[in-house]
C-alpha atoms as a PDB file:
ATOM      1  CA  MET A   1      96.832  76.053 122.103  1.00  0.00           C
ATOM      2  CA  THR A   2      94.667  79.115 122.449  1.00  0.00           C
ATOM      3  CA  LYS A   3      95.409  82.504 120.985  1.00  0.00           C
ATOM      4  CA  SER A   4      95.979  83.841 124.493  1.00  0.00           C
ATOM      5  CA  SER A   5      98.558  81.160 125.305  1.00  0.00           C
ATOM      6  CA  ASP A   6     100.290  81.826 121.967  1.00  0.00           C
ATOM      7  CA  TYR A   7     100.507  85.520 122.836  1.00  0.00           C
ATOM      8  CA  LYS A   8     101.784  84.651 126.312  1.00  0.00           C
ATOM      9  CA  ARG A   9     104.591  82.505 124.869  1.00  0.00           C
ATOM     10  CA  VAL A  10     105.663  85.320 122.553  1.00  0.00           C
ATOM     11  CA  PHE A  11     105.330  87.881 125.337  1.00  0.00           C
ATOM     12  CA  ASP A  12     107.537  85.802 127.621  1.00  0.00           C
ATOM     13  CA  HIS A  13     110.111  85.486 124.847  1.00  0.00           C
ATOM     14  CA  PHE A  14     110.172  89.277 124.352  1.00  0.00           C
ATOM     15  CA  ASP A  15     110.385  89.892 128.130  1.00  0.00           C
ATOM     16  CA  GLU A  16     114.116  89.183 128.348  1.00  0.00           C
ATOM     17  CA  ASP A  17     114.553  90.072 132.026  1.00  0.00           C
ATOM     18  CA  GLY A  18     111.395  88.248 133.135  1.00  0.00           C
ATOM     19  CA  ASN A  19     109.913  91.228 134.999  1.00  0.00           C
ATOM     20  CA  GLY A  20     106.472  90.862 133.383  1.00  0.00           C
ATOM     21  CA  MET A  21     106.946  93.961 131.210  1.00  0.00           C
ATOM     22  CA  ILE A  22     108.470  94.525 127.780  1.00  0.00           C
ATOM     23  CA  SER A  23     110.649  97.609 127.623  1.00  0.00           C
ATOM     24  CA  PRO A  24     111.162  99.498 124.359  1.00  0.00           C
ATOM     25  CA  SER A  25     114.754  98.203 124.207  1.00  0.00           C
ATOM     26  CA  GLU A  26     113.594  94.578 124.633  1.00  0.00           C
ATOM     27  CA  LEU A  27     111.001  95.137 121.920  1.00  0.00           C
ATOM     28  CA  GLN A  28     113.602  96.755 119.672  1.00  0.00           C
ATOM     29  CA  ARG A  29     116.023  93.798 119.988  1.00  0.00           C
ATOM     30  CA  ARG A  30     113.356  91.154 119.360  1.00  0.00           C
ATOM     31  CA  ILE A  31     111.820  92.939 116.398  1.00  0.00           C
ATOM     32  CA  GLY A  32     115.304  93.467 114.969  1.00  0.00           C
ATOM     33  CA  LEU A  33     115.974  89.728 115.234  1.00  0.00           C
ATOM     34  CA  ILE A  34     112.646  88.873 113.596  1.00  0.00           C
ATOM     35  CA  TRP A  35     113.028  91.373 110.742  1.00  0.00           C
ATOM     36  CA  GLU A  36     116.761  90.672 110.477  1.00  0.00           C
ATOM     37  CA  GLU A  37     117.522  94.372 110.304  1.00  0.00           C
ATOM     38  CA  GLU A  38     118.306  97.279 112.594  1.00  0.00           C
ATOM     39  CA  VAL A  39     115.253  98.869 114.202  1.00  0.00           C
ATOM     40  CA  ARG A  40     115.647 102.345 115.666  1.00  0.00           C
ATOM     41  CA  LEU A  41     114.815 102.627 119.355  1.00  0.00           C
ATOM     42  CA  GLU A  42     113.015 105.933 118.702  1.00  0.00           C
ATOM     43  CA  GLU A  43     110.578 104.175 116.373  1.00  0.00           C
ATOM     44  CA  VAL A  44     109.815 101.504 118.956  1.00  0.00           C
ATOM     45  CA  GLU A  45     109.428 104.106 121.707  1.00  0.00           C
ATOM     46  CA  ALA A  46     106.941 106.001 119.511  1.00  0.00           C
ATOM     47  CA  VAL A  47     104.851 102.840 119.064  1.00  0.00           C
ATOM     48  CA  VAL A  48     104.907 102.110 122.793  1.00  0.00           C
ATOM     49  CA  GLU A  49     104.068 105.735 123.577  1.00  0.00           C
ATOM     50  CA  SER A  50     101.121 105.631 121.169  1.00  0.00           C
ATOM     51  CA  LEU A  51      99.605 102.897 123.322  1.00  0.00           C
ATOM     52  CA  GLN A  52      99.606 105.344 126.220  1.00  0.00           C
ATOM     53  CA  VAL A  53     100.999 102.872 128.740  1.00  0.00           C
ATOM     54  CA  ASN A  54     101.735 104.265 132.186  1.00  0.00           C
ATOM     55  CA  ASN A  55     105.411 103.487 132.645  1.00  0.00           C
ATOM     56  CA  GLY A  56     106.625 103.323 129.043  1.00  0.00           C
ATOM     57  CA  GLU A  57     106.688  99.525 129.045  1.00  0.00           C
ATOM     58  CA  LEU A  58     104.236  96.966 127.694  1.00  0.00           C
ATOM     59  CA  GLY A  59     102.328  94.705 130.025  1.00  0.00           C
ATOM     60  CA  PHE A  60     100.731  91.558 128.625  1.00  0.00           C
ATOM     61  CA  ASP A  61      97.411  93.266 127.797  1.00  0.00           C
ATOM     62  CA  ASP A  62      99.267  96.118 126.071  1.00  0.00           C
ATOM     63  CA  PHE A  63     101.231  93.569 124.034  1.00  0.00           C
ATOM     64  CA  VAL A  64      98.043  91.772 122.949  1.00  0.00           C
ATOM     65  CA  SER A  65      96.508  95.138 121.946  1.00  0.00           C
ATOM     66  CA  LEU A  66      99.583  95.912 119.863  1.00  0.00           C
ATOM     67  CA  MET A  67      99.468  92.520 118.130  1.00  0.00           C
ATOM     68  CA  GLU A  68      95.739  92.785 117.441  1.00  0.00           C
ATOM     69  CA  SER A  69      96.072  96.318 116.026  1.00  0.00           C
ATOM     70  CA  GLU A  70      98.787  95.090 113.639  1.00  0.00           C
ATOM     71  CA  LYS A  71      96.431  92.370 112.405  1.00  0.00           C
ATOM     72  CA  GLU A  72      93.720  94.976 111.822  1.00  0.00           C
ATOM     73  CA  ASP A  73      96.180  97.115 109.852  1.00  0.00           C
ATOM     74  CA  ASP A  74      97.045  94.082 107.710  1.00  0.00           C
ATOM     75  CA  LYS A  75      93.357  93.318 107.126  1.00  0.00           C
ATOM     76  CA  LEU A  76      92.686  96.903 106.110  1.00  0.00           C
ATOM     77  CA  GLU A  77      95.602  96.866 103.667  1.00  0.00           C
ATOM     78  CA  ASP A  78      94.359  93.581 102.166  1.00  0.00           C
ATOM     79  CA  LEU A  79      90.887  95.086 101.760  1.00  0.00           C
ATOM     80  CA  LYS A  80      92.366  98.118 100.002  1.00  0.00           C
ATOM     81  CA  LYS A  81      94.222  95.846  97.581  1.00  0.00           C
ATOM     82  CA  ALA A  82      91.059  93.863  96.885  1.00  0.00           C
ATOM     83  CA  PHE A  83      89.092  97.068  96.370  1.00  0.00           C
ATOM     84  CA  ARG A  84      91.624  98.284  93.792  1.00  0.00           C
ATOM     85  CA  MET A  85      91.230  94.985  91.915  1.00  0.00           C
ATOM     86  CA  TYR A  86      87.485  95.531  91.555  1.00  0.00           C
ATOM     87  CA  GLU A  87      87.709  99.283  90.943  1.00  0.00           C
ATOM     88  CA  MET A  88      88.815  99.396  87.307  1.00  0.00           C
ATOM     89  CA  ASP A  89      87.301 102.540  85.906  1.00  0.00           C
ATOM     90  CA  GLY A  90      89.514 105.037  87.736  1.00  0.00           C
ATOM     91  CA  THR A  91      86.488 106.331  89.641  1.00  0.00           C
ATOM     92  CA  ASP A  92      87.594 105.238  93.131  1.00  0.00           C
ATOM     93  CA  CYS A  93      84.361 103.242  93.233  1.00  0.00           C
ATOM     94  CA  ILE A  94      83.212  99.793  92.213  1.00  0.00           C
ATOM     95  CA  THR A  95      80.687 100.169  89.429  1.00  0.00           C
ATOM     96  CA  PRO A  96      78.332  97.427  88.231  1.00  0.00           C
ATOM     97  CA  LYS A  97      80.460  97.114  85.074  1.00  0.00           C
ATOM     98  CA  SER A  98      83.766  96.841  86.971  1.00  0.00           C
ATOM     99  CA  LEU A  99      82.241  94.299  89.385  1.00  0.00           C
ATOM    100  CA  ASN A 100      80.930  92.319  86.422  1.00  0.00           C
ATOM    101  CA  ARG A 101      84.333  92.304  84.704  1.00  0.00           C
ATOM    102  CA  MET A 102      86.155  91.120  87.814  1.00  0.00           C
ATOM    103  CA  LEU A 103      83.622  88.428  88.678  1.00  0.00           C
ATOM    104  CA  ASN A 104      83.777  87.149  85.086  1.00  0.00           C
ATOM    105  CA  ARG A 105      87.596  87.048  85.303  1.00  0.00           C
ATOM    106  CA  LEU A 106      87.228  84.985  88.456  1.00  0.00           C
ATOM    107  CA  GLY A 107      84.966  82.553  86.589  1.00  0.00           C
ATOM    108  CA  GLU A 108      81.683  83.697  88.087  1.00  0.00           C
ATOM    109  CA  LEU A 109      79.472  84.522  85.132  1.00  0.00           C
ATOM    110  CA  THR A 110      77.084  87.287  86.116  1.00  0.00           C
ATOM    111  CA  SER A 111      75.186  89.931  84.238  1.00  0.00           C
ATOM    112  CA  VAL A 112      75.592  93.643  84.820  1.00  0.00           C
ATOM    113  CA  ASP A 113      72.008  93.671  86.150  1.00  0.00           C
ATOM    114  CA  GLU A 114      72.940  91.055  88.757  1.00  0.00           C
ATOM    115  CA  CYS A 115      75.899  93.215  89.740  1.00  0.00           C
ATOM    116  CA  VAL A 116      73.577  96.207  90.155  1.00  0.00           C
ATOM    117  CA  GLY A 117      71.585  94.109  92.643  1.00  0.00           C
ATOM    118  CA  MET A 118      74.728  93.098  94.534  1.00  0.00           C
ATOM    119  CA  ILE A 119      75.860  96.697  94.790  1.00  0.00           C
ATOM    120  CA  ASN A 120      72.420  97.964  95.839  1.00  0.00           C
ATOM    121  CA  ARG A 121      72.475  95.731  98.932  1.00  0.00           C
ATOM    122  CA  PHE A 122      75.524  97.587 100.301  1.00  0.00           C
ATOM    123  CA  ASP A 123      75.189 100.997  98.652  1.00  0.00           C
ATOM    124  CA  ARG A 124      74.431 103.138 101.710  1.00  0.00           C
ATOM    125  CA  ASN A 125      74.322 106.504  99.965  1.00  0.00           C
ATOM    126  CA  GLY A 126      72.287 105.307  96.959  1.00  0.00           C
ATOM    127  CA  ASP A 127      74.721 106.477  94.268  1.00  0.00           C
ATOM    128  CA  GLY A 128      74.742 103.109  92.479  1.00  0.00           C
ATOM    129  CA  VAL A 129      78.408 102.347  93.168  1.00  0.00           C
ATOM    130  CA  LEU A 130      80.462 101.118  96.129  1.00  0.00           C
ATOM    131  CA  ASN A 131      83.038 103.371  97.717  1.00  0.00           C
ATOM    132  CA  PHE A 132      85.731 101.821  99.914  1.00  0.00           C
ATOM    133  CA  ASP A 133      83.728 102.157 103.153  1.00  0.00           C
ATOM    134  CA  GLU A 134      80.730 100.406 101.603  1.00  0.00           C
ATOM    135  CA  PHE A 135      83.010  97.704 100.180  1.00  0.00           C
ATOM    136  CA  ARG A 136      84.567  97.177 103.623  1.00  0.00           C
ATOM    137  CA  VAL A 137      81.110  96.686 105.171  1.00  0.00           C
ATOM    138  CA  MET A 138      80.262  94.211 102.430  1.00  0.00           C
ATOM    139  CA  MET A 139      83.446  92.211 102.995  1.00  0.00           C
ATOM    140  CA  LEU A 140      83.188  92.105 106.802  1.00  0.00           C
END
């Protein structure tokens, strides 16, 4: 199975009337079944509208875009959680000392000087620490 065929299977399942488009109400019902809770139609319509589709319904390509954007949101949230684990000094940055502490906790024995070198490779603005954007570049 390819990712495209997986998306097509899900798309076809969401497209209850088989017209090749997913309406906001079809999306609302399917998401409600998946989440096992009531989903407001207005919320679903807002998501569909944000995709700027022509007729207010999702074609296959629109559906794939929606699924891919959700994955990106999840990745970004995971990166933020990881960043907070390394950022321990309350500075909103990863310092050589905080990187050293976390790596040591993970069983990777490094010196603070080695951590300075690691940070310097991704420290775009030269301030000696990693902000979230620099951390994201390092992790991707």
